[in-house]
Amino acid sequence: MSTIAEVLQREGIEEKETIRLAACIENDRREGIKKGLADAMERGRLRKKVEEGINYRDRRGDNRRD
C-alpha cells in the first residue's frame, strides 16, 4: 500500500507540497477518528441512560413507550 506522500508525488506534486498536503490529510484523518470515537462513546453513554430509564419504568410497572 502506498503512503499519501507517495501517491501525491506520483501525481507530479512537488516534494515540499507533498509533505505539507500529506500532513494535512493525516491530521484530518486523525481528527475524524477522534471525533468518531468521542461520538461513539457519547452515544454509548446516552444509550445506557435510556436503557436505565426503560428498566426503571419496567420495575415500577409503567411499560409505555412515550
PDB file of N, CA and C in Angstrom:
ATOM      1  N   MET A   1       0.843  -1.172   0.000  1.00  0.00           N
ATOM      2  CA  MET A   1       0.000   0.000   0.000  1.00  0.00           C
ATOM      3  C   MET A   1       0.893   1.242   0.000  1.00  0.00           C
ATOM      4  N   SER A   2       0.531   2.200  -0.797  1.00  0.00           N
ATOM      5  CA  SER A   2       1.300   3.436  -0.908  1.00  0.00           C
ATOM      6  C   SER A   2       0.912   4.422   0.189  1.00  0.00           C
ATOM      7  N   THR A   3       1.898   5.221   0.574  1.00  0.00           N
ATOM      8  CA  THR A   3       1.590   6.282   1.526  1.00  0.00           C
ATOM      9  C   THR A   3       0.947   7.447   0.786  1.00  0.00           C
ATOM     10  N   ILE A   4       0.358   8.335   1.531  1.00  0.00           N
ATOM     11  CA  ILE A   4      -0.264   9.512   0.931  1.00  0.00           C
ATOM     12  C   ILE A   4       0.774  10.300   0.146  1.00  0.00           C
ATOM     13  N   ALA A   5       1.961  10.486   0.730  1.00  0.00           N
ATOM     14  CA  ALA A   5       3.021  11.251   0.075  1.00  0.00           C
ATOM     15  C   ALA A   5       3.444  10.601  -1.242  1.00  0.00           C
ATOM     16  N   GLU A   6       3.553   9.280  -1.255  1.00  0.00           N
ATOM     17  CA  GLU A   6       3.944   8.578  -2.487  1.00  0.00           C
ATOM     18  C   GLU A   6       2.920   8.791  -3.592  1.00  0.00           C
ATOM     19  N   VAL A   7       1.664   8.714  -3.240  1.00  0.00           N
ATOM     20  CA  VAL A   7       0.607   8.907  -4.234  1.00  0.00           C
ATOM     21  C   VAL A   7       0.648  10.329  -4.773  1.00  0.00           C
ATOM     22  N   LEU A   8       0.809  11.303  -3.894  1.00  0.00           N
ATOM     23  CA  LEU A   8       0.862  12.696  -4.334  1.00  0.00           C
ATOM     24  C   LEU A   8       2.066  12.946  -5.235  1.00  0.00           C
ATOM     25  N   GLN A   9       3.207  12.372  -4.899  1.00  0.00           N
ATOM     26  CA  GLN A   9       4.403  12.545  -5.728  1.00  0.00           C
ATOM     27  C   GLN A   9       4.209  11.915  -7.099  1.00  0.00           C
ATOM     28  N   ARG A  10       3.568  10.766  -7.153  1.00  0.00           N
ATOM     29  CA  ARG A  10       3.296  10.134  -8.449  1.00  0.00           C
ATOM     30  C   ARG A  10       2.403  11.003  -9.319  1.00  0.00           C
ATOM     31  N   GLU A  11       1.571  11.811  -8.675  1.00  0.00           N
ATOM     32  CA  GLU A  11       0.681  12.708  -9.412  1.00  0.00           C
ATOM     33  C   GLU A  11       1.405  13.966  -9.879  1.00  0.00           C
ATOM     34  N   GLY A  12       2.694  14.067  -9.560  1.00  0.00           N
ATOM     35  CA  GLY A  12       3.502  15.180 -10.054  1.00  0.00           C
ATOM     36  C   GLY A  12       3.556  16.389  -9.140  1.00  0.00           C
ATOM     37  N   ILE A  13       3.150  16.234  -7.912  1.00  0.00           N
ATOM     38  CA  ILE A  13       3.191  17.348  -6.963  1.00  0.00           C
ATOM     39  C   ILE A  13       4.592  17.417  -6.369  1.00  0.00           C
ATOM     40  N   GLU A  14       5.106  18.643  -6.199  1.00  0.00           N
ATOM     41  CA  GLU A  14       6.462  18.832  -5.678  1.00  0.00           C
ATOM     42  C   GLU A  14       6.602  18.250  -4.271  1.00  0.00           C
ATOM     43  N   GLU A  15       7.838  17.887  -3.925  1.00  0.00           N
ATOM     44  CA  GLU A  15       8.084  17.198  -2.656  1.00  0.00           C
ATOM     45  C   GLU A  15       7.656  18.016  -1.436  1.00  0.00           C
ATOM     46  N   LYS A  16       8.005  19.310  -1.404  1.00  0.00           N
ATOM     47  CA  LYS A  16       7.620  20.143  -0.257  1.00  0.00           C
ATOM     48  C   LYS A  16       6.104  20.203  -0.113  1.00  0.00           C
ATOM     49  N   GLU A  17       5.435  20.422  -1.223  1.00  0.00           N
ATOM     50  CA  GLU A  17       3.976  20.498  -1.215  1.00  0.00           C
ATOM     51  C   GLU A  17       3.385  19.140  -0.839  1.00  0.00           C
ATOM     52  N   THR A  18       4.000  18.072  -1.310  1.00  0.00           N
ATOM     53  CA  THR A  18       3.545  16.719  -0.994  1.00  0.00           C
ATOM     54  C   THR A  18       3.582  16.472   0.508  1.00  0.00           C
ATOM     55  N   ILE A  19       4.672  16.852   1.137  1.00  0.00           N
ATOM     56  CA  ILE A  19       4.824  16.648   2.580  1.00  0.00           C
ATOM     57  C   ILE A  19       3.768  17.445   3.341  1.00  0.00           C
ATOM     58  N   ARG A  20       3.564  18.697   2.932  1.00  0.00           N
ATOM     59  CA  ARG A  20       2.574  19.544   3.597  1.00  0.00           C
ATOM     60  C   ARG A  20       1.163  18.980   3.429  1.00  0.00           C
ATOM     61  N   LEU A  21       0.821  18.604   2.208  1.00  0.00           N
ATOM     62  CA  LEU A  21      -0.509  18.049   1.946  1.00  0.00           C
ATOM     63  C   LEU A  21      -0.728  16.730   2.688  1.00  0.00           C
ATOM     64  N   ALA A  22       0.289  15.877   2.680  1.00  0.00           N
ATOM     65  CA  ALA A  22       0.174  14.588   3.370  1.00  0.00           C
ATOM     66  C   ALA A  22      -0.054  14.800   4.867  1.00  0.00           C
ATOM     67  N   ALA A  23       0.649  15.773   5.443  1.00  0.00           N
ATOM     68  CA  ALA A  23       0.476  16.063   6.869  1.00  0.00           C
ATOM     69  C   ALA A  23      -0.943  16.568   7.151  1.00  0.00           C
ATOM     70  N   CYS A  24      -1.453  17.438   6.287  1.00  0.00           N
ATOM     71  CA  CYS A  24      -2.821  17.952   6.459  1.00  0.00           C
ATOM     72  C   CYS A  24      -3.844  16.820   6.365  1.00  0.00           C
ATOM     73  N   ILE A  25      -3.671  15.965   5.373  1.00  0.00           N
ATOM     74  CA  ILE A  25      -4.596  14.845   5.188  1.00  0.00           C
ATOM     75  C   ILE A  25      -4.554  13.916   6.396  1.00  0.00           C
ATOM     76  N   GLU A  26      -3.360  13.632   6.881  1.00  0.00           N
ATOM     77  CA  GLU A  26      -3.209  12.739   8.038  1.00  0.00           C
ATOM     78  C   GLU A  26      -3.829  13.357   9.293  1.00  0.00           C
ATOM     79  N   ASN A  27      -3.624  14.654   9.488  1.00  0.00           N
ATOM     80  CA  ASN A  27      -4.223  15.332  10.649  1.00  0.00           C
ATOM     81  C   ASN A  27      -5.743  15.300  10.570  1.00  0.00           C
ATOM     82  N   ASP A  28      -6.289  15.557   9.393  1.00  0.00           N
ATOM     83  CA  ASP A  28      -7.743  15.496   9.217  1.00  0.00           C
ATOM     84  C   ASP A  28      -8.263  14.095   9.515  1.00  0.00           C
ATOM     85  N   ARG A  29      -7.530  13.087   9.055  1.00  0.00           N
ATOM     86  CA  ARG A  29      -7.933  11.699   9.287  1.00  0.00           C
ATOM     87  C   ARG A  29      -7.938  11.390  10.782  1.00  0.00           C
ATOM     88  N   ARG A  30      -6.894  11.822  11.475  1.00  0.00           N
ATOM     89  CA  ARG A  30      -6.808  11.595  12.927  1.00  0.00           C
ATOM     90  C   ARG A  30      -7.944  12.297  13.667  1.00  0.00           C
ATOM     91  N   GLU A  31      -8.209  13.546  13.281  1.00  0.00           N
ATOM     92  CA  GLU A  31      -9.293  14.291  13.924  1.00  0.00           C
ATOM     93  C   GLU A  31     -10.632  13.602  13.689  1.00  0.00           C
ATOM     94  N   GLY A  32     -10.828  13.086  12.485  1.00  0.00           N
ATOM     95  CA  GLY A  32     -12.066  12.366  12.183  1.00  0.00           C
ATOM     96  C   GLY A  32     -12.221  11.122  13.039  1.00  0.00           C
ATOM     97  N   ILE A  33     -11.119  10.412  13.223  1.00  0.00           N
ATOM     98  CA  ILE A  33     -11.144   9.210  14.063  1.00  0.00           C
ATOM     99  C   ILE A  33     -11.450   9.587  15.513  1.00  0.00           C
ATOM    100  N   LYS A  34     -10.786  10.633  16.018  1.00  0.00           N
ATOM    101  CA  LYS A  34     -11.034  11.074  17.395  1.00  0.00           C
ATOM    102  C   LYS A  34     -12.490  11.476  17.585  1.00  0.00           C
ATOM    103  N   LYS A  35     -13.027  12.224  16.619  1.00  0.00           N
ATOM    104  CA  LYS A  35     -14.416  12.669  16.715  1.00  0.00           C
ATOM    105  C   LYS A  35     -15.358  11.465  16.668  1.00  0.00           C
ATOM    106  N   GLY A  36     -15.058  10.522  15.782  1.00  0.00           N
ATOM    107  CA  GLY A  36     -15.889   9.326  15.691  1.00  0.00           C
ATOM    108  C   GLY A  36     -15.902   8.532  16.985  1.00  0.00           C
ATOM    109  N   LEU A  37     -14.736   8.402  17.595  1.00  0.00           N
ATOM    110  CA  LEU A  37     -14.657   7.688  18.870  1.00  0.00           C
ATOM    111  C   LEU A  37     -15.408   8.434  19.967  1.00  0.00           C
ATOM    112  N   ALA A  38     -15.246   9.750  19.999  1.00  0.00           N
ATOM    113  CA  ALA A  38     -15.948  10.550  21.010  1.00  0.00           C
ATOM    114  C   ALA A  38     -17.459  10.437  20.823  1.00  0.00           C
ATOM    115  N   ASP A  39     -17.913  10.507  19.572  1.00  0.00           N
ATOM    116  CA  ASP A  39     -19.349  10.370  19.297  1.00  0.00           C
ATOM    117  C   ASP A  39     -19.860   8.997  19.720  1.00  0.00           C
ATOM    118  N   ALA A  40     -19.091   7.963  19.419  1.00  0.00           N
ATOM    119  CA  ALA A  40     -19.498   6.605  19.782  1.00  0.00           C
ATOM    120  C   ALA A  40     -19.573   6.448  21.298  1.00  0.00           C
ATOM    121  N   MET A  41     -18.592   7.017  21.985  1.00  0.00           N
ATOM    122  CA  MET A  41     -18.607   6.939  23.442  1.00  0.00           C
ATOM    123  C   MET A  41     -19.819   7.681  23.994  1.00  0.00           C
ATOM    124  N   GLU A  42     -20.099   8.850  23.433  1.00  0.00           N
ATOM    125  CA  GLU A  42     -21.243   9.635  23.904  1.00  0.00           C
ATOM    126  C   GLU A  42     -22.545   8.891  23.641  1.00  0.00           C
ATOM    127  N   ARG A  43     -22.684   8.316  22.466  1.00  0.00           N
ATOM    128  CA  ARG A  43     -23.896   7.544  22.161  1.00  0.00           C
ATOM    129  C   ARG A  43     -24.026   6.367  23.109  1.00  0.00           C
ATOM    130  N   GLY A  44     -22.921   5.749  23.448  1.00  0.00           N
ATOM    131  CA  GLY A  44     -22.950   4.628  24.387  1.00  0.00           C
ATOM    132  C   GLY A  44     -23.450   5.054  25.748  1.00  0.00           C
ATOM    133  N   ARG A  45     -22.998   6.228  26.196  1.00  0.00           N
ATOM    134  CA  ARG A  45     -23.456   6.738  27.485  1.00  0.00           C
ATOM    135  C   ARG A  45     -24.936   7.060  27.428  1.00  0.00           C
ATOM    136  N   LEU A  46     -25.347   7.693  26.331  1.00  0.00           N
ATOM    137  CA  LEU A  46     -26.759   8.029  26.204  1.00  0.00           C
ATOM    138  C   LEU A  46     -27.605   6.771  26.129  1.00  0.00           C
ATOM    139  N   ARG A  47     -27.122   5.780  25.393  1.00  0.00           N
ATOM    140  CA  ARG A  47     -27.856   4.519  25.270  1.00  0.00           C
ATOM    141  C   ARG A  47     -28.009   3.882  26.647  1.00  0.00           C
ATOM    142  N   LYS A  48     -26.949   3.923  27.442  1.00  0.00           N
ATOM    143  CA  LYS A  48     -27.008   3.337  28.780  1.00  0.00           C
ATOM    144  C   LYS A  48     -28.047   4.063  29.632  1.00  0.00           C
ATOM    145  N   LYS A  49     -28.099   5.401  29.524  1.00  0.00           N
ATOM    146  CA  LYS A  49     -29.077   6.165  30.296  1.00  0.00           C
ATOM    147  C   LYS A  49     -30.495   5.836  29.849  1.00  0.00           C
ATOM    148  N   VAL A  50     -30.698   5.680  28.546  1.00  0.00           N
ATOM    149  CA  VAL A  50     -32.023   5.325  28.030  1.00  0.00           C
ATOM    150  C   VAL A  50     -32.427   3.954  28.546  1.00  0.00           C
ATOM    151  N   GLU A  51     -31.499   2.994  28.491  1.00  0.00           N
ATOM    152  CA  GLU A  51     -31.795   1.645  28.981  1.00  0.00           C
ATOM    153  C   GLU A  51     -32.106   1.670  30.471  1.00  0.00           C
ATOM    154  N   GLU A  52     -31.377   2.483  31.230  1.00  0.00           N
ATOM    155  CA  GLU A  52     -31.658   2.592  32.661  1.00  0.00           C
ATOM    156  C   GLU A  52     -33.053   3.156  32.888  1.00  0.00           C
ATOM    157  N   GLY A  53     -33.450   4.136  32.078  1.00  0.00           N
ATOM    158  CA  GLY A  53     -34.790   4.714  32.190  1.00  0.00           C
ATOM    159  C   GLY A  53     -35.866   3.699  31.869  1.00  0.00           C
ATOM    160  N   ILE A  54     -35.649   2.903  30.832  1.00  0.00           N
ATOM    161  CA  ILE A  54     -36.615   1.863  30.458  1.00  0.00           C
ATOM    162  C   ILE A  54     -36.711   0.828  31.574  1.00  0.00           C
ATOM    163  N   ASN A  55     -35.576   0.418  32.106  1.00  0.00           N
ATOM    164  CA  ASN A  55     -35.577  -0.553  33.204  1.00  0.00           C
ATOM    165  C   ASN A  55     -36.293   0.011  34.427  1.00  0.00           C
ATOM    166  N   TYR A  56     -36.112   1.302  34.701  1.00  0.00           N
ATOM    167  CA  TYR A  56     -36.777   1.931  35.842  1.00  0.00           C
ATOM    168  C   TYR A  56     -38.292   1.895  35.654  1.00  0.00           C
ATOM    169  N   ARG A  57     -38.753   2.247  34.442  1.00  0.00           N
ATOM    170  CA  ARG A  57     -40.195   2.226  34.180  1.00  0.00           C
ATOM    171  C   ARG A  57     -40.738   0.808  34.272  1.00  0.00           C
ATOM    172  N   ASP A  58     -39.972  -0.166  33.785  1.00  0.00           N
ATOM    173  CA  ASP A  58     -40.416  -1.565  33.852  1.00  0.00           C
ATOM    174  C   ASP A  58     -40.557  -2.023  35.298  1.00  0.00           C
ATOM    175  N   ARG A  59     -39.639  -1.612  36.153  1.00  0.00           N
ATOM    176  CA  ARG A  59     -39.683  -2.016  37.563  1.00  0.00           C
ATOM    177  C   ARG A  59     -40.896  -1.433  38.277  1.00  0.00           C
ATOM    178  N   ARG A  60     -41.286  -0.229  37.898  1.00  0.00           N
ATOM    179  CA  ARG A  60     -42.437   0.370  38.589  1.00  0.00           C
ATOM    180  C   ARG A  60     -43.754   0.033  37.906  1.00  0.00           C
ATOM    181  N   GLY A  61     -43.695  -0.751  36.815  1.00  0.00           N
ATOM    182  CA  GLY A  61     -44.907  -1.235  36.169  1.00  0.00           C
ATOM    183  C   GLY A  61     -45.428  -0.358  35.051  1.00  0.00           C
ATOM    184  N   ASP A  62     -44.687   0.643  34.652  1.00  0.00           N
ATOM    185  CA  ASP A  62     -45.114   1.532  33.574  1.00  0.00           C
ATOM    186  C   ASP A  62     -44.373   1.119  32.305  1.00  0.00           C
ATOM    187  N   ASN A  63     -44.997   0.301  31.488  1.00  0.00           N
ATOM    188  CA  ASN A  63     -44.336  -0.241  30.301  1.00  0.00           C
ATOM    189  C   ASN A  63     -44.590   0.568  29.035  1.00  0.00           C
ATOM    190  N   ARG A  64     -45.222   1.728  29.170  1.00  0.00           N
ATOM    191  CA  ARG A  64     -45.483   2.557  27.984  1.00  0.00           C
ATOM    192  C   ARG A  64     -44.178   3.079  27.410  1.00  0.00           C
ATOM    193  N   ARG A  65     -44.168   3.206  26.107  1.00  0.00           N
ATOM    194  CA  ARG A  65     -43.027   3.821  25.417  1.00  0.00           C
ATOM    195  C   ARG A  65     -43.519   5.147  24.863  1.00  0.00           C
ATOM    196  N   ASP A  66     -43.051   6.245  25.435  1.00  0.00           N
ATOM    197  CA  ASP A  66     -43.525   7.573  25.010  1.00  0.00           C
ATOM    198  C   ASP A  66     -42.915   7.994  23.706  1.00  0.00           C
TER     199      ASP A  66
END
